[in-house]
All heavy atoms as atom14 arrays in JSON, in Angstrom:
{
  "sequence": "RLSCAASGRTFSRYTMGWFRHAPGKERQFVAAISWNVDNTAYE",
  "atom14_mask": [
    [1, 1, 1, 1, 1, 1, 1, 1, 1, 1, 1, 0, 0, 0],
    [1, 1, 1, 1, 1, 1, 1, 1, 0, 0, 0, 0, 0, 0],
    [1, 1, 1, 1, 1, 1, 0, 0, 0, 0, 0, 0, 0, 0],
    [1, 1, 1, 1, 1, 1, 0, 0, 0, 0, 0, 0, 0, 0],
    [1, 1, 1, 1, 1, 0, 0, 0, 0, 0, 0, 0, 0, 0],
    [1, 1, 1, 1, 1, 0, 0, 0, 0, 0, 0, 0, 0, 0],
    [1, 1, 1, 1, 1, 1, 0, 0, 0, 0, 0, 0, 0, 0],
    [1, 1, 1, 1, 0, 0, 0, 0, 0, 0, 0, 0, 0, 0],
    [1, 1, 1, 1, 1, 1, 1, 1, 1, 1, 1, 0, 0, 0],
    [1, 1, 1, 1, 1, 1, 1, 0, 0, 0, 0, 0, 0, 0],
    [1, 1, 1, 1, 1, 1, 1, 1, 1, 1, 1, 0, 0, 0],
    [1, 1, 1, 1, 1, 1, 0, 0, 0, 0, 0, 0, 0, 0],
    [1, 1, 1, 1, 1, 1, 1, 1, 1, 1, 1, 0, 0, 0],
    [1, 1, 1, 1, 1, 1, 1, 1, 1, 1, 1, 1, 0, 0],
    [1, 1, 1, 1, 1, 1, 1, 0, 0, 0, 0, 0, 0, 0],
    [1, 1, 1, 1, 1, 1, 1, 1, 0, 0, 0, 0, 0, 0],
    [1, 1, 1, 1, 0, 0, 0, 0, 0, 0, 0, 0, 0, 0],
    [1, 1, 1, 1, 1, 1, 1, 1, 1, 1, 1, 1, 1, 1],
    [1, 1, 1, 1, 1, 1, 1, 1, 1, 1, 1, 0, 0, 0],
    [1, 1, 1, 1, 1, 1, 1, 1, 1, 1, 1, 0, 0, 0],
    [1, 1, 1, 1, 1, 1, 1, 1, 1, 1, 0, 0, 0, 0],
    [1, 1, 1, 1, 1, 0, 0, 0, 0, 0, 0, 0, 0, 0],
    [1, 1, 1, 1, 1, 1, 1, 0, 0, 0, 0, 0, 0, 0],
    [1, 1, 1, 1, 0, 0, 0, 0, 0, 0, 0, 0, 0, 0],
    [1, 1, 1, 1, 1, 1, 1, 1, 1, 0, 0, 0, 0, 0],
    [1, 1, 1, 1, 1, 1, 1, 1, 1, 0, 0, 0, 0, 0],
    [1, 1, 1, 1, 1, 1, 1, 1, 1, 1, 1, 0, 0, 0],
    [1, 1, 1, 1, 1, 1, 1, 1, 1, 0, 0, 0, 0, 0],
    [1, 1, 1, 1, 1, 1, 1, 1, 1, 1, 1, 0, 0, 0],
    [1, 1, 1, 1, 1, 1, 1, 0, 0, 0, 0, 0, 0, 0],
    [1, 1, 1, 1, 1, 0, 0, 0, 0, 0, 0, 0, 0, 0],
    [1, 1, 1, 1, 1, 0, 0, 0, 0, 0, 0, 0, 0, 0],
    [1, 1, 1, 1, 1, 1, 1, 1, 0, 0, 0, 0, 0, 0],
    [1, 1, 1, 1, 1, 1, 0, 0, 0, 0, 0, 0, 0, 0],
    [1, 1, 1, 1, 1, 1, 1, 1, 1, 1, 1, 1, 1, 1],
    [1, 1, 1, 1, 1, 1, 1, 1, 0, 0, 0, 0, 0, 0],
    [1, 1, 1, 1, 1, 1, 1, 0, 0, 0, 0, 0, 0, 0],
    [1, 1, 1, 1, 1, 1, 1, 1, 0, 0, 0, 0, 0, 0],
    [1, 1, 1, 1, 1, 1, 1, 1, 0, 0, 0, 0, 0, 0],
    [1, 1, 1, 1, 1, 1, 1, 0, 0, 0, 0, 0, 0, 0],
    [1, 1, 1, 1, 1, 0, 0, 0, 0, 0, 0, 0, 0, 0],
    [1, 1, 1, 1, 1, 1, 1, 1, 1, 1, 1, 1, 0, 0],
    [1, 1, 1, 1, 1, 1, 1, 1, 1, 0, 0, 0, 0, 0]
  ],
  "atom14_positions": [
    [[1.94, 12.43, -6.87], [2.13, 11.01, -7.15], [3.2, 10.48, -6.21], [4.36, 10.89, -6.29], [2.55, 10.78, -8.59], [2.56, 9.3, -8.98], [3.26, 9.09, -10.3], [3.03, 7.76, -10.85], [3.87, 7.13, -11.66], [5.0, 7.73, -12.01], [3.57, 5.95, -12.15], [0.0, 0.0, 0.0], [0.0, 0.0, 0.0], [0.0, 0.0, 0.0]],
    [[2.79, 9.58, -5.35], [3.71, 8.95, -4.43], [4.28, 7.68, -5.05], [3.58, 6.96, -5.77], [3.02, 8.6, -3.12], [2.31, 9.73, -2.38], [1.77, 9.21, -1.05], [3.22, 10.92, -2.18], [0.0, 0.0, 0.0], [0.0, 0.0, 0.0], [0.0, 0.0, 0.0], [0.0, 0.0, 0.0], [0.0, 0.0, 0.0], [0.0, 0.0, 0.0]],
    [[5.53, 7.41, -4.74], [6.17, 6.17, -5.18], [6.71, 5.43, -3.97], [7.1, 6.06, -2.98], [7.32, 6.47, -6.14], [6.87, 7.1, -7.31], [0.0, 0.0, 0.0], [0.0, 0.0, 0.0], [0.0, 0.0, 0.0], [0.0, 0.0, 0.0], [0.0, 0.0, 0.0], [0.0, 0.0, 0.0], [0.0, 0.0, 0.0], [0.0, 0.0, 0.0]],
    [[6.73, 4.13, -4.08], [7.29, 3.29, -3.02], [8.21, 2.27, -3.69], [7.74, 1.35, -4.36], [6.19, 2.58, -2.26], [6.77, 1.34, -1.08], [0.0, 0.0, 0.0], [0.0, 0.0, 0.0], [0.0, 0.0, 0.0], [0.0, 0.0, 0.0], [0.0, 0.0, 0.0], [0.0, 0.0, 0.0], [0.0, 0.0, 0.0], [0.0, 0.0, 0.0]],
    [[9.49, 2.45, -3.5], [10.47, 1.55, -4.1], [10.93, 0.54, -3.07], [11.35, 0.91, -1.97], [11.66, 2.35, -4.62], [0.0, 0.0, 0.0], [0.0, 0.0, 0.0], [0.0, 0.0, 0.0], [0.0, 0.0, 0.0], [0.0, 0.0, 0.0], [0.0, 0.0, 0.0], [0.0, 0.0, 0.0], [0.0, 0.0, 0.0], [0.0, 0.0, 0.0]],
    [[10.85, -0.74, -3.42], [11.26, -1.81, -2.52], [12.63, -2.33, -2.93], [12.92, -2.47, -4.13], [10.24, -2.94, -2.54], [0.0, 0.0, 0.0], [0.0, 0.0, 0.0], [0.0, 0.0, 0.0], [0.0, 0.0, 0.0], [0.0, 0.0, 0.0], [0.0, 0.0, 0.0], [0.0, 0.0, 0.0], [0.0, 0.0, 0.0], [0.0, 0.0, 0.0]],
    [[13.44, -2.63, -1.96], [14.75, -3.2, -2.24], [15.04, -4.29, -1.24], [14.44, -4.36, -0.18], [15.83, -2.12, -2.18], [15.88, -1.55, -0.89], [0.0, 0.0, 0.0], [0.0, 0.0, 0.0], [0.0, 0.0, 0.0], [0.0, 0.0, 0.0], [0.0, 0.0, 0.0], [0.0, 0.0, 0.0], [0.0, 0.0, 0.0], [0.0, 0.0, 0.0]],
    [[15.96, -5.18, -1.62], [16.35, -6.26, -0.73], [15.53, -7.51, -0.88], [15.87, -8.56, -0.32], [0.0, 0.0, 0.0], [0.0, 0.0, 0.0], [0.0, 0.0, 0.0], [0.0, 0.0, 0.0], [0.0, 0.0, 0.0], [0.0, 0.0, 0.0], [0.0, 0.0, 0.0], [0.0, 0.0, 0.0], [0.0, 0.0, 0.0], [0.0, 0.0, 0.0]],
    [[14.45, -7.43, -1.63], [13.56, -8.58, -1.8], [12.56, -8.24, -2.9], [12.21, -7.08, -3.09], [12.83, -8.85, -0.5], [11.91, -10.06, -0.52], [11.35, -10.28, 0.86], [10.37, -11.32, 0.89], [9.72, -11.7, 1.99], [9.98, -11.11, 3.14], [8.81, -12.66, 1.94], [0.0, 0.0, 0.0], [0.0, 0.0, 0.0], [0.0, 0.0, 0.0]],
    [[12.1, -9.28, -3.59], [11.08, -9.08, -4.62], [9.7, -9.3, -4.0], [9.47, -10.33, -3.37], [11.29, -10.05, -5.79], [12.56, -9.8, -6.38], [10.19, -9.88, -6.82], [0.0, 0.0, 0.0], [0.0, 0.0, 0.0], [0.0, 0.0, 0.0], [0.0, 0.0, 0.0], [0.0, 0.0, 0.0], [0.0, 0.0, 0.0], [0.0, 0.0, 0.0]],
    [[8.79, -8.37, -4.24], [7.46, -8.46, -3.64], [6.37, -8.73, -4.67], [5.21, -8.4, -4.45], [7.15, -7.17, -2.88], [7.95, -7.02, -1.62], [8.9, -6.04, -1.51], [7.75, -7.88, -0.56], [9.64, -5.9, -0.34], [8.48, -7.76, 0.61], [9.42, -6.76, 0.71], [0.0, 0.0, 0.0], [0.0, 0.0, 0.0], [0.0, 0.0, 0.0]],
    [[6.73, -9.34, -5.76], [5.77, -9.53, -6.85], [4.61, -10.45, -6.48], [3.6, -10.45, -7.16], [6.49, -10.07, -8.09], [7.13, -11.29, -7.79], [0.0, 0.0, 0.0], [0.0, 0.0, 0.0], [0.0, 0.0, 0.0], [0.0, 0.0, 0.0], [0.0, 0.0, 0.0], [0.0, 0.0, 0.0], [0.0, 0.0, 0.0], [0.0, 0.0, 0.0]],
    [[4.72, -11.22, -5.41], [3.64, -12.11, -5.0], [2.91, -11.62, -3.76], [2.12, -12.34, -3.15], [4.17, -13.52, -4.76], [4.69, -14.21, -6.02], [5.02, -15.65, -5.75], [6.1, -15.8, -4.78], [6.45, -16.97, -4.22], [5.78, -18.06, -4.53], [7.44, -17.02, -3.37], [0.0, 0.0, 0.0], [0.0, 0.0, 0.0], [0.0, 0.0, 0.0]],
    [[3.17, -10.37, -3.37], [2.61, -9.84, -2.14], [1.69, -8.65, -2.4], [2.01, -7.78, -3.22], [3.73, -9.39, -1.2], [4.58, -10.51, -0.69], [5.59, -11.06, -1.48], [4.38, -11.04, 0.58], [6.36, -12.09, -1.02], [5.16, -12.08, 1.05], [6.15, -12.6, 0.24], [6.91, -13.63, 0.7], [0.0, 0.0, 0.0], [0.0, 0.0, 0.0]],
    [[0.6, -8.62, -1.66], [-0.25, -7.45, -1.69], [0.49, -6.29, -1.01], [1.14, -6.46, 0.02], [-1.57, -7.72, -0.96], [-2.34, -8.64, -1.74], [-2.38, -6.46, -0.74], [0.0, 0.0, 0.0], [0.0, 0.0, 0.0], [0.0, 0.0, 0.0], [0.0, 0.0, 0.0], [0.0, 0.0, 0.0], [0.0, 0.0, 0.0], [0.0, 0.0, 0.0]],
    [[0.37, -5.12, -1.61], [1.01, -3.92, -1.07], [-0.06, -2.86, -0.82], [-1.12, -2.87, -1.46], [2.05, -3.39, -2.05], [3.15, -4.37, -2.35], [4.38, -3.74, -3.53], [5.23, -2.51, -2.52], [0.0, 0.0, 0.0], [0.0, 0.0, 0.0], [0.0, 0.0, 0.0], [0.0, 0.0, 0.0], [0.0, 0.0, 0.0], [0.0, 0.0, 0.0]],
    [[0.24, -1.97, 0.11], [-0.77, -0.97, 0.43], [-0.18, 0.36, 0.86], [1.02, 0.48, 1.12], [0.0, 0.0, 0.0], [0.0, 0.0, 0.0], [0.0, 0.0, 0.0], [0.0, 0.0, 0.0], [0.0, 0.0, 0.0], [0.0, 0.0, 0.0], [0.0, 0.0, 0.0], [0.0, 0.0, 0.0], [0.0, 0.0, 0.0], [0.0, 0.0, 0.0]],
    [[-1.06, 1.34, 0.92], [-0.73, 2.67, 1.43], [-1.59, 2.96, 2.66], [-2.79, 2.68, 2.67], [-1.0, 3.74, 0.38], [-0.06, 3.74, -0.78], [-0.25, 3.13, -1.99], [1.22, 4.37, -0.85], [0.84, 3.35, -2.81], [1.74, 4.11, -2.12], [1.96, 5.14, 0.05], [2.99, 4.58, -2.53], [3.2, 5.62, -0.36], [3.7, 5.34, -1.63]],
    [[-0.96, 3.53, 3.66], [-1.64, 3.98, 4.86], [-1.23, 5.42, 5.11], [-0.24, 5.9, 4.56], [-1.25, 3.11, 6.07], [-1.77, 1.7, 5.99], [-1.17, 0.76, 5.16], [-2.86, 1.31, 6.74], [-1.65, -0.54, 5.09], [-3.35, 0.01, 6.68], [-2.73, -0.91, 5.85], [0.0, 0.0, 0.0], [0.0, 0.0, 0.0], [0.0, 0.0, 0.0]],
    [[-1.98, 6.11, 5.94], [-1.62, 7.48, 6.3], [-1.89, 7.73, 7.77], [-2.73, 7.07, 8.38], [-2.36, 8.49, 5.43], [-3.87, 8.51, 5.59], [-4.49, 9.43, 4.54], [-5.94, 9.48, 4.64], [-6.73, 10.12, 3.78], [-6.19, 10.76, 2.73], [-8.04, 10.13, 3.94], [0.0, 0.0, 0.0], [0.0, 0.0, 0.0], [0.0, 0.0, 0.0]],
    [[-1.15, 8.69, 8.31], [-1.27, 9.01, 9.72], [-1.25, 10.51, 9.86], [-0.23, 11.16, 9.57], [-0.12, 8.38, 10.5], [-0.33, 8.38, 11.97], [0.6, 7.9, 12.86], [-1.39, 8.79, 12.72], [0.13, 8.01, 14.09], [-1.08, 8.55, 14.02], [0.0, 0.0, 0.0], [0.0, 0.0, 0.0], [0.0, 0.0, 0.0], [0.0, 0.0, 0.0]],
    [[-2.38, 11.06, 10.27], [-2.49, 12.49, 10.48], [-2.34, 12.8, 11.98], [-2.68, 11.95, 12.82], [-3.84, 13.0, 9.99], [0.0, 0.0, 0.0], [0.0, 0.0, 0.0], [0.0, 0.0, 0.0], [0.0, 0.0, 0.0], [0.0, 0.0, 0.0], [0.0, 0.0, 0.0], [0.0, 0.0, 0.0], [0.0, 0.0, 0.0], [0.0, 0.0, 0.0]],
    [[-1.85, 13.96, 12.32], [-1.68, 14.33, 13.74], [-2.99, 14.22, 14.5], [-4.03, 14.69, 14.05], [-1.2, 15.78, 13.67], [-0.57, 15.91, 12.33], [-1.38, 15.03, 11.43], [0.0, 0.0, 0.0], [0.0, 0.0, 0.0], [0.0, 0.0, 0.0], [0.0, 0.0, 0.0], [0.0, 0.0, 0.0], [0.0, 0.0, 0.0], [0.0, 0.0, 0.0]],
    [[-2.93, 13.56, 15.65], [-4.11, 13.43, 16.49], [-5.1, 12.38, 16.04], [-6.16, 12.23, 16.65], [0.0, 0.0, 0.0], [0.0, 0.0, 0.0], [0.0, 0.0, 0.0], [0.0, 0.0, 0.0], [0.0, 0.0, 0.0], [0.0, 0.0, 0.0], [0.0, 0.0, 0.0], [0.0, 0.0, 0.0], [0.0, 0.0, 0.0], [0.0, 0.0, 0.0]],
    [[-4.76, 11.66, 14.98], [-5.66, 10.62, 14.48], [-4.94, 9.29, 14.43], [-3.71, 9.23, 14.47], [-6.16, 10.99, 13.08], [-7.0, 12.26, 13.03], [-7.51, 12.5, 11.63], [-8.38, 13.75, 11.58], [-8.9, 14.0, 10.2], [0.0, 0.0, 0.0], [0.0, 0.0, 0.0], [0.0, 0.0, 0.0], [0.0, 0.0, 0.0], [0.0, 0.0, 0.0]],
    [[-5.72, 8.24, 14.33], [-5.13, 6.91, 14.21], [-4.69, 6.68, 12.77], [-5.17, 7.32, 11.84], [-6.15, 5.84, 14.62], [-6.52, 5.88, 16.09], [-7.4, 4.72, 16.49], [-7.83, 3.97, 15.6], [-7.65, 4.57, 17.7], [0.0, 0.0, 0.0], [0.0, 0.0, 0.0], [0.0, 0.0, 0.0], [0.0, 0.0, 0.0], [0.0, 0.0, 0.0]],
    [[-3.78, 5.73, 12.62], [-3.35, 5.35, 11.28], [-4.56, 4.88, 10.47], [-5.42, 4.17, 10.97], [-2.33, 4.23, 11.36], [-1.77, 3.78, 10.02], [-0.79, 2.66, 10.21], [-1.43, 1.46, 10.74], [-0.79, 0.42, 11.23], [0.53, 0.45, 11.3], [-1.44, -0.62, 11.67], [0.0, 0.0, 0.0], [0.0, 0.0, 0.0], [0.0, 0.0, 0.0]],
    [[-4.6, 5.26, 9.21], [-5.75, 4.96, 8.38], [-5.33, 4.26, 7.09], [-4.36, 4.66, 6.43], [-6.48, 6.27, 8.02], [-7.73, 6.09, 7.18], [-8.34, 7.43, 6.77], [-7.64, 8.37, 6.41], [-9.67, 7.5, 6.82], [0.0, 0.0, 0.0], [0.0, 0.0, 0.0], [0.0, 0.0, 0.0], [0.0, 0.0, 0.0], [0.0, 0.0, 0.0]],
    [[-6.05, 3.24, 6.75], [-5.86, 2.56, 5.46], [-6.26, 3.51, 4.33], [-7.25, 4.22, 4.44], [-6.73, 1.31, 5.41], [-6.85, 0.69, 4.06], [-5.82, -0.11, 3.56], [-7.97, 0.89, 3.27], [-5.94, -0.7, 2.31], [-8.09, 0.3, 2.03], [-7.07, -0.49, 1.55], [0.0, 0.0, 0.0], [0.0, 0.0, 0.0], [0.0, 0.0, 0.0]],
    [[-5.47, 3.52, 3.27], [-5.78, 4.36, 2.12], [-6.13, 3.51, 0.9], [-7.18, 3.69, 0.29], [-4.59, 5.28, 1.78], [-4.9, 6.09, 0.51], [-4.29, 6.21, 2.94], [0.0, 0.0, 0.0], [0.0, 0.0, 0.0], [0.0, 0.0, 0.0], [0.0, 0.0, 0.0], [0.0, 0.0, 0.0], [0.0, 0.0, 0.0], [0.0, 0.0, 0.0]],
    [[-5.25, 2.59, 0.55], [-5.48, 1.78, -0.64], [-4.57, 0.56, -0.62], [-3.54, 0.56, 0.06], [-5.21, 2.59, -1.91], [0.0, 0.0, 0.0], [0.0, 0.0, 0.0], [0.0, 0.0, 0.0], [0.0, 0.0, 0.0], [0.0, 0.0, 0.0], [0.0, 0.0, 0.0], [0.0, 0.0, 0.0], [0.0, 0.0, 0.0], [0.0, 0.0, 0.0]],
    [[-4.97, -0.47, -1.35], [-4.16, -1.67, -1.46], [-4.31, -2.23, -2.86], [-5.32, -2.02, -3.54], [-4.57, -2.72, -0.42], [0.0, 0.0, 0.0], [0.0, 0.0, 0.0], [0.0, 0.0, 0.0], [0.0, 0.0, 0.0], [0.0, 0.0, 0.0], [0.0, 0.0, 0.0], [0.0, 0.0, 0.0], [0.0, 0.0, 0.0], [0.0, 0.0, 0.0]],
    [[-3.28, -2.98, -3.29], [-3.29, -3.59, -4.6], [-2.73, -5.0, -4.49], [-1.74, -5.24, -3.8], [-2.49, -2.73, -5.61], [-2.61, -3.29, -7.02], [-1.03, -2.6, -5.18], [-2.12, -2.32, -8.09], [0.0, 0.0, 0.0], [0.0, 0.0, 0.0], [0.0, 0.0, 0.0], [0.0, 0.0, 0.0], [0.0, 0.0, 0.0], [0.0, 0.0, 0.0]],
    [[-3.39, -5.93, -5.16], [-2.97, -7.33, -5.09], [-1.69, -7.55, -5.88], [-1.28, -6.72, -6.7], [-4.07, -8.23, -5.62], [-4.32, -7.96, -7.0], [0.0, 0.0, 0.0], [0.0, 0.0, 0.0], [0.0, 0.0, 0.0], [0.0, 0.0, 0.0], [0.0, 0.0, 0.0], [0.0, 0.0, 0.0], [0.0, 0.0, 0.0], [0.0, 0.0, 0.0]],
    [[-1.09, -8.71, -5.67], [0.19, -9.02, -6.29], [0.12, -8.98, -7.81], [1.08, -8.58, -8.47], [0.63, -10.41, -5.84], [-0.3, -11.51, -6.32], [-1.49, -11.87, -5.78], [-0.1, -12.36, -7.44], [-2.05, -12.89, -6.49], [-1.22, -13.23, -7.51], [0.92, -12.5, -8.38], [-1.35, -14.2, -8.5], [0.8, -13.46, -9.36], [-0.33, -14.3, -9.41]],
    [[-1.05, -9.38, -8.36], [-1.18, -9.43, -9.82], [-1.98, -8.27, -10.37], [-2.41, -8.3, -11.52], [-1.84, -10.76, -10.23], [-3.22, -10.92, -9.62], [-3.65, -10.08, -8.83], [-3.9, -11.99, -9.97], [0.0, 0.0, 0.0], [0.0, 0.0, 0.0], [0.0, 0.0, 0.0], [0.0, 0.0, 0.0], [0.0, 0.0, 0.0], [0.0, 0.0, 0.0]],
    [[-2.18, -7.25, -9.59], [-2.9, -6.01, -9.9], [-4.37, -6.22, -10.27], [-5.05, -5.27, -10.66], [-2.21, -5.16, -11.01], [-0.76, -4.92, -10.69], [-2.36, -5.79, -12.37], [0.0, 0.0, 0.0], [0.0, 0.0, 0.0], [0.0, 0.0, 0.0], [0.0, 0.0, 0.0], [0.0, 0.0, 0.0], [0.0, 0.0, 0.0], [0.0, 0.0, 0.0]],
    [[-4.87, -7.42, -10.11], [-6.27, -7.69, -10.46], [-7.25, -7.08, -9.47], [-8.4, -6.81, -9.82], [-6.52, -9.2, -10.53], [-6.09, -9.78, -11.86], [-5.65, -8.99, -12.73], [-6.18, -11.0, -12.04], [0.0, 0.0, 0.0], [0.0, 0.0, 0.0], [0.0, 0.0, 0.0], [0.0, 0.0, 0.0], [0.0, 0.0, 0.0], [0.0, 0.0, 0.0]],
    [[-6.8, -6.91, -8.24], [-7.7, -6.4, -7.21], [-7.12, -5.17, -6.52], [-5.92, -5.13, -6.23], [-7.95, -7.48, -6.15], [-8.69, -8.67, -6.72], [-9.8, -8.54, -7.23], [-8.07, -9.83, -6.66], [0.0, 0.0, 0.0], [0.0, 0.0, 0.0], [0.0, 0.0, 0.0], [0.0, 0.0, 0.0], [0.0, 0.0, 0.0], [0.0, 0.0, 0.0]],
    [[-7.99, -4.21, -6.29], [-7.6, -3.02, -5.53], [-8.69, -2.7, -4.51], [-9.83, -3.16, -4.64], [-7.41, -1.8, -6.44], [-8.62, -1.55, -7.16], [-6.26, -2.01, -7.43], [0.0, 0.0, 0.0], [0.0, 0.0, 0.0], [0.0, 0.0, 0.0], [0.0, 0.0, 0.0], [0.0, 0.0, 0.0], [0.0, 0.0, 0.0], [0.0, 0.0, 0.0]],
    [[-8.31, -1.96, -3.52], [-9.27, -1.51, -2.51], [-8.9, -0.09, -2.09], [-7.73, 0.27, -2.07], [-9.24, -2.44, -1.29], [0.0, 0.0, 0.0], [0.0, 0.0, 0.0], [0.0, 0.0, 0.0], [0.0, 0.0, 0.0], [0.0, 0.0, 0.0], [0.0, 0.0, 0.0], [0.0, 0.0, 0.0], [0.0, 0.0, 0.0], [0.0, 0.0, 0.0]],
    [[-9.93, 0.69, -1.77], [-9.72, 2.07, -1.39], [-10.57, 2.43, -0.18], [-11.69, 1.93, 0.0], [-10.1, 3.02, -2.53], [-9.25, 2.9, -3.77], [-9.6, 2.03, -4.79], [-8.08, 3.64, -3.9], [-8.82, 1.91, -5.93], [-7.29, 3.53, -5.04], [-7.67, 2.66, -6.04], [-6.88, 2.54, -7.16], [0.0, 0.0, 0.0], [0.0, 0.0, 0.0]],
    [[-10.03, 3.31, 0.63], [-10.82, 3.9, 1.7], [-11.87, 4.79, 1.04], [-11.62, 5.42, 0.02], [-9.89, 4.7, 2.61], [-10.48, 5.07, 3.95], [-11.23, 6.37, 3.9], [-10.81, 7.25, 3.13], [-12.24, 6.5, 4.63], [0.0, 0.0, 0.0], [0.0, 0.0, 0.0], [0.0, 0.0, 0.0], [0.0, 0.0, 0.0], [0.0, 0.0, 0.0]]
  ]
}
């Protein structure tokens, strides 16, 4: 279980996402969640 803690600003109105980067590959989208958690997207 990965966690991402934000500080210095509130991001409650912003979509947030996870990306990953494996050696020898391009950065890849993993998942995203909307500000109000109503919408999600996954690779």
